[in-house]
Every structure is written in structure tokens, then in C-alpha cells.
Amino acid sequence: AVQGRLPLLAAGRLTVAAVGARNLHVLATTEPLGPPRG
């Protein structure tokens, strides 16, 4: 039951944004980011 409440397991399919600024940001979200462009 604890496993079932863990955010990563309960989220379903994830999008992980790897963002290159001065640092590298790696953030997982359940929000749709639209199809890749350009």
C-alpha cells in the first residue's frame, strides 16, 4: 500500500525534462509538454 502511494509509481507515464542552464536540471512531471518541435 505504501508502494502504491509513492508519487513515481502512482504517476503513470512521466515526462522527464533535462534542462541545460548553468546547472543541469532533471525534473519529472505528469504534465503533457506537447509534441517535440524544431
PDB file of all heavy atoms in Angstrom:
ATOM      1  N   ALA A   1       0.822  -1.212   0.000  1.00  0.00           N
ATOM      2  CA  ALA A   1       0.000   0.000   0.000  1.00  0.00           C
ATOM      3  C   ALA A   1       0.852   1.256   0.000  1.00  0.00           C
ATOM      4  O   ALA A   1       0.473   2.273  -0.589  1.00  0.00           O
ATOM      5  CB  ALA A   1      -0.938   0.006   1.208  1.00  0.00           C
ATOM      6  N   VAL A   2       2.009   1.192   0.667  1.00  0.00           N
ATOM      7  CA  VAL A   2       2.924   2.337   0.656  1.00  0.00           C
ATOM      8  C   VAL A   2       3.503   2.507  -0.745  1.00  0.00           C
ATOM      9  O   VAL A   2       3.595   3.622  -1.259  1.00  0.00           O
ATOM     10  CB  VAL A   2       4.048   2.153   1.700  1.00  0.00           C
ATOM     11  CG1 VAL A   2       5.080   3.277   1.581  1.00  0.00           C
ATOM     12  CG2 VAL A   2       3.465   2.127   3.111  1.00  0.00           C
ATOM     13  N   GLN A   3       3.865   1.391  -1.369  1.00  0.00           N
ATOM     14  CA  GLN A   3       4.370   1.479  -2.742  1.00  0.00           C
ATOM     15  C   GLN A   3       3.351   2.151  -3.659  1.00  0.00           C
ATOM     16  O   GLN A   3       3.700   2.976  -4.495  1.00  0.00           O
ATOM     17  CB  GLN A   3       4.674   0.075  -3.277  1.00  0.00           C
ATOM     18  CG  GLN A   3       5.817  -0.638  -2.588  1.00  0.00           C
ATOM     19  CD  GLN A   3       6.105  -1.982  -3.225  1.00  0.00           C
ATOM     20  OE1 GLN A   3       6.078  -2.136  -4.435  1.00  0.00           O
ATOM     21  NE2 GLN A   3       6.369  -2.986  -2.398  1.00  0.00           N
ATOM     22  N   GLY A   4       2.082   1.784  -3.486  1.00  0.00           N
ATOM     23  CA  GLY A   4       1.050   2.329  -4.349  1.00  0.00           C
ATOM     24  C   GLY A   4       0.858   3.823  -4.203  1.00  0.00           C
ATOM     25  O   GLY A   4       0.331   4.473  -5.121  1.00  0.00           O
ATOM     26  N   ARG A   5       1.275   4.389  -3.046  1.00  0.00           N
ATOM     27  CA  ARG A   5       1.129   5.828  -2.828  1.00  0.00           C
ATOM     28  C   ARG A   5       2.380   6.609  -3.205  1.00  0.00           C
ATOM     29  O   ARG A   5       2.370   7.847  -3.137  1.00  0.00           O
ATOM     30  CB  ARG A   5       0.773   6.101  -1.359  1.00  0.00           C
ATOM     31  CG  ARG A   5      -0.607   5.603  -0.974  1.00  0.00           C
ATOM     32  CD  ARG A   5      -1.048   6.202   0.352  1.00  0.00           C
ATOM     33  NE  ARG A   5      -0.173   5.832   1.454  1.00  0.00           N
ATOM     34  CZ  ARG A   5      -0.324   4.718   2.186  1.00  0.00           C
ATOM     35  NH1 ARG A   5      -1.302   3.871   1.911  1.00  0.00           N
ATOM     36  NH2 ARG A   5       0.502   4.457   3.179  1.00  0.00           N
ATOM     37  N   LEU A   6       3.440   5.923  -3.580  1.00  0.00           N
ATOM     38  CA  LEU A   6       4.667   6.640  -3.944  1.00  0.00           C
ATOM     39  C   LEU A   6       4.442   7.417  -5.240  1.00  0.00           C
ATOM     40  O   LEU A   6       3.964   6.860  -6.233  1.00  0.00           O
ATOM     41  CB  LEU A   6       5.828   5.664  -4.108  1.00  0.00           C
ATOM     42  CG  LEU A   6       6.261   4.923  -2.845  1.00  0.00           C
ATOM     43  CD1 LEU A   6       7.421   3.983  -3.155  1.00  0.00           C
ATOM     44  CD2 LEU A   6       6.656   5.896  -1.735  1.00  0.00           C
ATOM     45  N   PRO A   7       4.792   8.687  -5.262  1.00  0.00           N
ATOM     46  CA  PRO A   7       4.485   9.533  -6.423  1.00  0.00           C
ATOM     47  C   PRO A   7       5.009   9.000  -7.750  1.00  0.00           C
ATOM     48  O   PRO A   7       4.299   9.069  -8.761  1.00  0.00           O
ATOM     49  CB  PRO A   7       5.144  10.873  -6.061  1.00  0.00           C
ATOM     50  CG  PRO A   7       5.131  10.900  -4.568  1.00  0.00           C
ATOM     51  CD  PRO A   7       5.366   9.474  -4.147  1.00  0.00           C
ATOM     52  N   LEU A   8       6.202   8.446  -7.753  1.00  0.00           N
ATOM     53  CA  LEU A   8       6.763   7.986  -9.021  1.00  0.00           C
ATOM     54  C   LEU A   8       6.000   6.771  -9.550  1.00  0.00           C
ATOM     55  O   LEU A   8       5.820   6.618 -10.761  1.00  0.00           O
ATOM     56  CB  LEU A   8       8.245   7.642  -8.865  1.00  0.00           C
ATOM     57  CG  LEU A   8       9.057   7.533 -10.154  1.00  0.00           C
ATOM     58  CD1 LEU A   8       9.132   8.871 -10.864  1.00  0.00           C
ATOM     59  CD2 LEU A   8      10.458   7.010  -9.883  1.00  0.00           C
ATOM     60  N   LEU A   9       5.525   5.920  -8.659  1.00  0.00           N
ATOM     61  CA  LEU A   9       4.804   4.725  -9.080  1.00  0.00           C
ATOM     62  C   LEU A   9       3.348   5.027  -9.394  1.00  0.00           C
ATOM     63  O   LEU A   9       2.733   4.356 -10.219  1.00  0.00           O
ATOM     64  CB  LEU A   9       4.883   3.650  -7.988  1.00  0.00           C
ATOM     65  CG  LEU A   9       6.292   3.223  -7.585  1.00  0.00           C
ATOM     66  CD1 LEU A   9       6.235   2.051  -6.619  1.00  0.00           C
ATOM     67  CD2 LEU A   9       7.131   2.863  -8.797  1.00  0.00           C
ATOM     68  N   ALA A  10       2.779   6.021  -8.723  1.00  0.00           N
ATOM     69  CA  ALA A  10       1.373   6.364  -8.934  1.00  0.00           C
ATOM     70  C   ALA A  10       1.169   7.297 -10.122  1.00  0.00           C
ATOM     71  O   ALA A  10       0.044   7.494 -10.568  1.00  0.00           O
ATOM     72  CB  ALA A  10       0.808   7.021  -7.671  1.00  0.00           C
ATOM     73  N   ALA A  11       2.250   7.855 -10.632  1.00  0.00           N
ATOM     74  CA  ALA A  11       2.125   8.905 -11.654  1.00  0.00           C
ATOM     75  C   ALA A  11       1.706   8.385 -13.016  1.00  0.00           C
ATOM     76  O   ALA A  11       1.138   9.113 -13.823  1.00  0.00           O
ATOM     77  CB  ALA A  11       3.443   9.661 -11.783  1.00  0.00           C
ATOM     78  N   GLY A  12       1.978   7.115 -13.309  1.00  0.00           N
ATOM     79  CA  GLY A  12       1.748   6.633 -14.668  1.00  0.00           C
ATOM     80  C   GLY A  12       2.917   7.037 -15.558  1.00  0.00           C
ATOM     81  O   GLY A  12       4.052   7.135 -15.098  1.00  0.00           O
ATOM     82  N   ARG A  13       2.674   7.328 -16.792  1.00  0.00           N
ATOM     83  CA  ARG A  13       3.750   7.717 -17.717  1.00  0.00           C
ATOM     84  C   ARG A  13       4.246   9.119 -17.380  1.00  0.00           C
ATOM     85  O   ARG A  13       3.464  10.035 -17.156  1.00  0.00           O
ATOM     86  CB  ARG A  13       3.248   7.676 -19.158  1.00  0.00           C
ATOM     87  CG  ARG A  13       4.340   7.928 -20.189  1.00  0.00           C
ATOM     88  CD  ARG A  13       3.779   7.767 -21.592  1.00  0.00           C
ATOM     89  NE  ARG A  13       4.752   8.120 -22.604  1.00  0.00           N
ATOM     90  CZ  ARG A  13       5.687   7.300 -23.074  1.00  0.00           C
ATOM     91  NH1 ARG A  13       5.756   6.075 -22.616  1.00  0.00           N
ATOM     92  NH2 ARG A  13       6.538   7.696 -24.010  1.00  0.00           N
ATOM     93  N   LEU A  14       5.563   9.275 -17.340  1.00  0.00           N
ATOM     94  CA  LEU A  14       6.193  10.530 -16.967  1.00  0.00           C
ATOM     95  C   LEU A  14       6.891  11.183 -18.152  1.00  0.00           C
ATOM     96  O   LEU A  14       7.317  10.509 -19.092  1.00  0.00           O
ATOM     97  CB  LEU A  14       7.257  10.291 -15.881  1.00  0.00           C
ATOM     98  CG  LEU A  14       6.804   9.812 -14.506  1.00  0.00           C
ATOM     99  CD1 LEU A  14       8.007   9.265 -13.749  1.00  0.00           C
ATOM    100  CD2 LEU A  14       6.181  10.961 -13.736  1.00  0.00           C
ATOM    101  N   THR A  15       7.023  12.485 -18.084  1.00  0.00           N
ATOM    102  CA  THR A  15       7.958  13.205 -18.940  1.00  0.00           C
ATOM    103  C   THR A  15       9.048  13.758 -18.044  1.00  0.00           C
ATOM    104  O   THR A  15       8.762  14.395 -17.028  1.00  0.00           O
ATOM    105  CB  THR A  15       7.270  14.372 -19.678  1.00  0.00           C
ATOM    106  OG1 THR A  15       6.245  13.847 -20.532  1.00  0.00           O
ATOM    107  CG2 THR A  15       8.280  15.124 -20.533  1.00  0.00           C
ATOM    108  N   VAL A  16      10.286  13.474 -18.395  1.00  0.00           N
ATOM    109  CA  VAL A  16      11.434  13.974 -17.630  1.00  0.00           C
ATOM    110  C   VAL A  16      12.123  15.031 -18.477  1.00  0.00           C
ATOM    111  O   VAL A  16      12.653  14.727 -19.552  1.00  0.00           O
ATOM    112  CB  VAL A  16      12.416  12.850 -17.268  1.00  0.00           C
ATOM    113  CG1 VAL A  16      13.579  13.404 -16.444  1.00  0.00           C
ATOM    114  CG2 VAL A  16      11.700  11.740 -16.497  1.00  0.00           C
ATOM    115  N   ALA A  17      12.094  16.268 -18.010  1.00  0.00           N
ATOM    116  CA  ALA A  17      12.742  17.361 -18.734  1.00  0.00           C
ATOM    117  C   ALA A  17      14.185  17.478 -18.257  1.00  0.00           C
ATOM    118  O   ALA A  17      14.445  17.616 -17.064  1.00  0.00           O
ATOM    119  CB  ALA A  17      11.998  18.670 -18.485  1.00  0.00           C
ATOM    120  N   ALA A  18      15.105  17.385 -19.185  1.00  0.00           N
ATOM    121  CA  ALA A  18      16.525  17.604 -18.904  1.00  0.00           C
ATOM    122  C   ALA A  18      16.872  18.992 -19.432  1.00  0.00           C
ATOM    123  O   ALA A  18      16.871  19.215 -20.644  1.00  0.00           O
ATOM    124  CB  ALA A  18      17.381  16.531 -19.570  1.00  0.00           C
ATOM    125  N   VAL A  19      17.132  19.912 -18.518  1.00  0.00           N
ATOM    126  CA  VAL A  19      17.235  21.323 -18.865  1.00  0.00           C
ATOM    127  C   VAL A  19      18.655  21.812 -18.632  1.00  0.00           C
ATOM    128  O   VAL A  19      19.160  21.796 -17.505  1.00  0.00           O
ATOM    129  CB  VAL A  19      16.246  22.170 -18.026  1.00  0.00           C
ATOM    130  CG1 VAL A  19      16.268  23.614 -18.497  1.00  0.00           C
ATOM    131  CG2 VAL A  19      14.839  21.590 -18.111  1.00  0.00           C
ATOM    132  N   GLY A  20      19.283  22.268 -19.685  1.00  0.00           N
ATOM    133  CA  GLY A  20      20.636  22.776 -19.585  1.00  0.00           C
ATOM    134  C   GLY A  20      20.650  24.284 -19.398  1.00  0.00           C
ATOM    135  O   GLY A  20      20.424  25.037 -20.344  1.00  0.00           O
ATOM    136  N   ALA A  21      20.874  24.712 -18.156  1.00  0.00           N
ATOM    137  CA  ALA A  21      21.145  26.121 -17.871  1.00  0.00           C
ATOM    138  C   ALA A  21      22.609  26.154 -17.438  1.00  0.00           C
ATOM    139  O   ALA A  21      23.427  25.444 -18.008  1.00  0.00           O
ATOM    140  CB  ALA A  21      20.197  26.630 -16.785  1.00  0.00           C
ATOM    141  N   ARG A  22      22.947  26.959 -16.435  1.00  0.00           N
ATOM    142  CA  ARG A  22      24.309  26.865 -15.907  1.00  0.00           C
ATOM    143  C   ARG A  22      24.496  25.516 -15.221  1.00  0.00           C
ATOM    144  O   ARG A  22      25.557  24.909 -15.258  1.00  0.00           O
ATOM    145  CB  ARG A  22      24.578  28.011 -14.919  1.00  0.00           C
ATOM    146  CG  ARG A  22      25.969  27.986 -14.313  1.00  0.00           C
ATOM    147  CD  ARG A  22      26.290  29.300 -13.626  1.00  0.00           C
ATOM    148  NE  ARG A  22      27.635  29.321 -13.090  1.00  0.00           N
ATOM    149  CZ  ARG A  22      28.269  30.423 -12.701  1.00  0.00           C
ATOM    150  NH1 ARG A  22      27.672  31.599 -12.808  1.00  0.00           N
ATOM    151  NH2 ARG A  22      29.482  30.358 -12.212  1.00  0.00           N
ATOM    152  N   ASN A  23      23.422  25.058 -14.551  1.00  0.00           N
ATOM    153  CA  ASN A  23      23.371  23.720 -13.989  1.00  0.00           C
ATOM    154  C   ASN A  23      22.510  22.845 -14.887  1.00  0.00           C
ATOM    155  O   ASN A  23      21.790  23.335 -15.757  1.00  0.00           O
ATOM    156  CB  ASN A  23      22.760  23.760 -12.578  1.00  0.00           C
ATOM    157  CG  ASN A  23      23.579  24.586 -11.622  1.00  0.00           C
ATOM    158  OD1 ASN A  23      24.633  24.167 -11.147  1.00  0.00           O
ATOM    159  ND2 ASN A  23      23.101  25.796 -11.323  1.00  0.00           N
ATOM    160  N   LEU A  24      22.558  21.548 -14.647  1.00  0.00           N
ATOM    161  CA  LEU A  24      21.674  20.618 -15.339  1.00  0.00           C
ATOM    162  C   LEU A  24      20.511  20.299 -14.408  1.00  0.00           C
ATOM    163  O   LEU A  24      20.700  19.773 -13.312  1.00  0.00           O
ATOM    164  CB  LEU A  24      22.422  19.339 -15.706  1.00  0.00           C
ATOM    165  CG  LEU A  24      21.562  18.233 -16.323  1.00  0.00           C
ATOM    166  CD1 LEU A  24      20.970  18.678 -17.654  1.00  0.00           C
ATOM    167  CD2 LEU A  24      22.383  16.947 -16.498  1.00  0.00           C
ATOM    168  N   HIS A  25      19.307  20.632 -14.847  1.00  0.00           N
ATOM    169  CA  HIS A  25      18.092  20.360 -14.082  1.00  0.00           C
ATOM    170  C   HIS A  25      17.400  19.154 -14.691  1.00  0.00           C
ATOM    171  O   HIS A  25      17.162  19.115 -15.904  1.00  0.00           O
ATOM    172  CB  HIS A  25      17.154  21.561 -14.108  1.00  0.00           C
ATOM    173  CG  HIS A  25      17.691  22.767 -13.422  1.00  0.00           C
ATOM    174  ND1 HIS A  25      17.246  23.186 -12.179  1.00  0.00           N
ATOM    175  CD2 HIS A  25      18.661  23.654 -13.797  1.00  0.00           C
ATOM    176  CE1 HIS A  25      17.911  24.274 -11.818  1.00  0.00           C
ATOM    177  NE2 HIS A  25      18.767  24.586 -12.787  1.00  0.00           N
ATOM    178  N   VAL A  26      17.091  18.187 -13.862  1.00  0.00           N
ATOM    179  CA  VAL A  26      16.372  16.993 -14.296  1.00  0.00           C
ATOM    180  C   VAL A  26      15.080  16.947 -13.492  1.00  0.00           C
ATOM    181  O   VAL A  26      15.099  16.736 -12.283  1.00  0.00           O
ATOM    182  CB  VAL A  26      17.199  15.717 -14.057  1.00  0.00           C
ATOM    183  CG1 VAL A  26      16.417  14.483 -14.512  1.00  0.00           C
ATOM    184  CG2 VAL A  26      18.535  15.805 -14.788  1.00  0.00           C
ATOM    185  N   LEU A  27      13.937  17.189 -14.145  1.00  0.00           N
ATOM    186  CA  LEU A  27      12.676  17.234 -13.426  1.00  0.00           C
ATOM    187  C   LEU A  27      11.620  16.392 -14.109  1.00  0.00           C
ATOM    188  O   LEU A  27      11.445  16.460 -15.319  1.00  0.00           O
ATOM    189  CB  LEU A  27      12.183  18.671 -13.255  1.00  0.00           C
ATOM    190  CG  LEU A  27      12.050  19.562 -14.474  1.00  0.00           C
ATOM    191  CD1 LEU A  27      10.927  20.573 -14.256  1.00  0.00           C
ATOM    192  CD2 LEU A  27      13.338  20.337 -14.737  1.00  0.00           C
ATOM    193  N   ALA A  28      10.956  15.579 -13.307  1.00  0.00           N
ATOM    194  CA  ALA A  28       9.908  14.690 -13.812  1.00  0.00           C
ATOM    195  C   ALA A  28       8.551  15.301 -13.536  1.00  0.00           C
ATOM    196  O   ALA A  28       8.299  15.817 -12.448  1.00  0.00           O
ATOM    197  CB  ALA A  28      10.015  13.326 -13.136  1.00  0.00           C
ATOM    198  N   THR A  29       7.677  15.235 -14.517  1.00  0.00           N
ATOM    199  CA  THR A  29       6.347  15.797 -14.383  1.00  0.00           C
ATOM    200  C   THR A  29       5.335  14.890 -15.064  1.00  0.00           C
ATOM    201  O   THR A  29       5.677  14.135 -15.977  1.00  0.00           O
ATOM    202  CB  THR A  29       6.276  17.212 -14.994  1.00  0.00           C
ATOM    203  OG1 THR A  29       4.963  17.758 -14.813  1.00  0.00           O
ATOM    204  CG2 THR A  29       6.610  17.194 -16.470  1.00  0.00           C
ATOM    205  N   THR A  30       4.090  14.969 -14.603  1.00  0.00           N
ATOM    206  CA  THR A  30       2.997  14.268 -15.279  1.00  0.00           C
ATOM    207  C   THR A  30       2.298  15.187 -16.271  1.00  0.00           C
ATOM    208  O   THR A  30       1.373  14.761 -16.966  1.00  0.00           O
ATOM    209  CB  THR A  30       1.979  13.749 -14.253  1.00  0.00           C
ATOM    210  OG1 THR A  30       1.493  14.843 -13.464  1.00  0.00           O
ATOM    211  CG2 THR A  30       2.609  12.715 -13.337  1.00  0.00           C
ATOM    212  N   GLU A  31       2.714  16.453 -16.344  1.00  0.00           N
ATOM    213  CA  GLU A  31       2.094  17.405 -17.266  1.00  0.00           C
ATOM    214  C   GLU A  31       2.519  17.110 -18.706  1.00  0.00           C
ATOM    215  O   GLU A  31       3.703  16.871 -18.966  1.00  0.00           O
ATOM    216  CB  GLU A  31       2.499  18.836 -16.907  1.00  0.00           C
ATOM    217  CG  GLU A  31       2.002  19.304 -15.550  1.00  0.00           C
ATOM    218  CD  GLU A  31       2.436  20.722 -15.248  1.00  0.00           C
ATOM    219  OE1 GLU A  31       2.613  21.508 -16.192  1.00  0.00           O
ATOM    220  OE2 GLU A  31       2.609  21.042 -14.059  1.00  0.00           O
ATOM    221  N   PRO A  32       1.594  17.141 -19.643  1.00  0.00           N
ATOM    222  CA  PRO A  32       1.980  16.982 -21.050  1.00  0.00           C
ATOM    223  C   PRO A  32       2.728  18.210 -21.543  1.00  0.00           C
ATOM    224  O   PRO A  32       2.359  19.340 -21.211  1.00  0.00           O
ATOM    225  CB  PRO A  32       0.636  16.818 -21.770  1.00  0.00           C
ATOM    226  CG  PRO A  32      -0.351  17.516 -20.891  1.00  0.00           C
ATOM    227  CD  PRO A  32       0.135  17.313 -19.474  1.00  0.00           C
ATOM    228  N   LEU A  33       3.777  17.991 -22.295  1.00  0.00           N
ATOM    229  CA  LEU A  33       4.584  19.098 -22.818  1.00  0.00           C
ATOM    230  C   LEU A  33       4.402  19.288 -24.317  1.00  0.00           C
ATOM    231  O   LEU A  33       5.136  20.051 -24.938  1.00  0.00           O
ATOM    232  CB  LEU A  33       6.062  18.869 -22.485  1.00  0.00           C
ATOM    233  CG  LEU A  33       6.407  18.741 -20.994  1.00  0.00           C
ATOM    234  CD1 LEU A  33       7.917  18.609 -20.813  1.00  0.00           C
ATOM    235  CD2 LEU A  33       5.877  19.913 -20.194  1.00  0.00           C
ATOM    236  N   GLY A  34       3.421  18.603 -24.884  1.00  0.00           N
ATOM    237  CA  GLY A  34       3.192  18.753 -26.316  1.00  0.00           C
ATOM    238  C   GLY A  34       4.207  17.959 -27.118  1.00  0.00           C
ATOM    239  O   GLY A  34       5.210  17.484 -26.592  1.00  0.00           O
ATOM    240  N   PRO A  35       3.977  17.820 -28.406  1.00  0.00           N
ATOM    241  CA  PRO A  35       4.914  17.069 -29.254  1.00  0.00           C
ATOM    242  C   PRO A  35       6.212  17.843 -29.451  1.00  0.00           C
ATOM    243  O   PRO A  35       6.225  19.077 -29.386  1.00  0.00           O
ATOM    244  CB  PRO A  35       4.151  16.928 -30.575  1.00  0.00           C
ATOM    245  CG  PRO A  35       3.242  18.122 -30.597  1.00  0.00           C
ATOM    246  CD  PRO A  35       2.835  18.354 -29.168  1.00  0.00           C
ATOM    247  N   PRO A  36       7.324  17.132 -29.666  1.00  0.00           N
ATOM    248  CA  PRO A  36       8.596  17.818 -29.929  1.00  0.00           C
ATOM    249  C   PRO A  36       8.495  18.693 -31.174  1.00  0.00           C
ATOM    250  O   PRO A  36       7.890  18.312 -32.166  1.00  0.00           O
ATOM    251  CB  PRO A  36       9.589  16.667 -30.144  1.00  0.00           C
ATOM    252  CG  PRO A  36       8.948  15.484 -29.501  1.00  0.00           C
ATOM    253  CD  PRO A  36       7.470  15.676 -29.668  1.00  0.00           C
ATOM    254  N   ARG A  37       9.097  19.871 -31.096  1.00  0.00           N
ATOM    255  CA  ARG A  37       9.081  20.787 -32.221  1.00  0.00           C
ATOM    256  C   ARG A  37      10.493  21.281 -32.505  1.00  0.00           C
ATOM    257  O   ARG A  37      11.307  21.401 -31.596  1.00  0.00           O
ATOM    258  CB  ARG A  37       8.166  21.981 -31.938  1.00  0.00           C
ATOM    259  CG  ARG A  37       6.688  21.614 -31.769  1.00  0.00           C
ATOM    260  CD  ARG A  37       5.847  22.840 -31.461  1.00  0.00           C
ATOM    261  NE  ARG A  37       4.433  22.517 -31.274  1.00  0.00           N
ATOM    262  CZ  ARG A  37       3.562  22.384 -32.260  1.00  0.00           C
ATOM    263  NH1 ARG A  37       3.963  22.564 -33.511  1.00  0.00           N
ATOM    264  NH2 ARG A  37       2.300  22.090 -32.016  1.00  0.00           N
ATOM    265  N   GLY A  38      10.728  21.613 -33.758  1.00  0.00           N
ATOM    266  CA  GLY A  38      12.009  22.201 -34.128  1.00  0.00           C
ATOM    267  C   GLY A  38      13.179  21.328 -33.726  1.00  0.00           C
ATOM    268  O   GLY A  38      13.283  20.175 -34.129  1.00  0.00           O
TER     269      GLY A  38
END
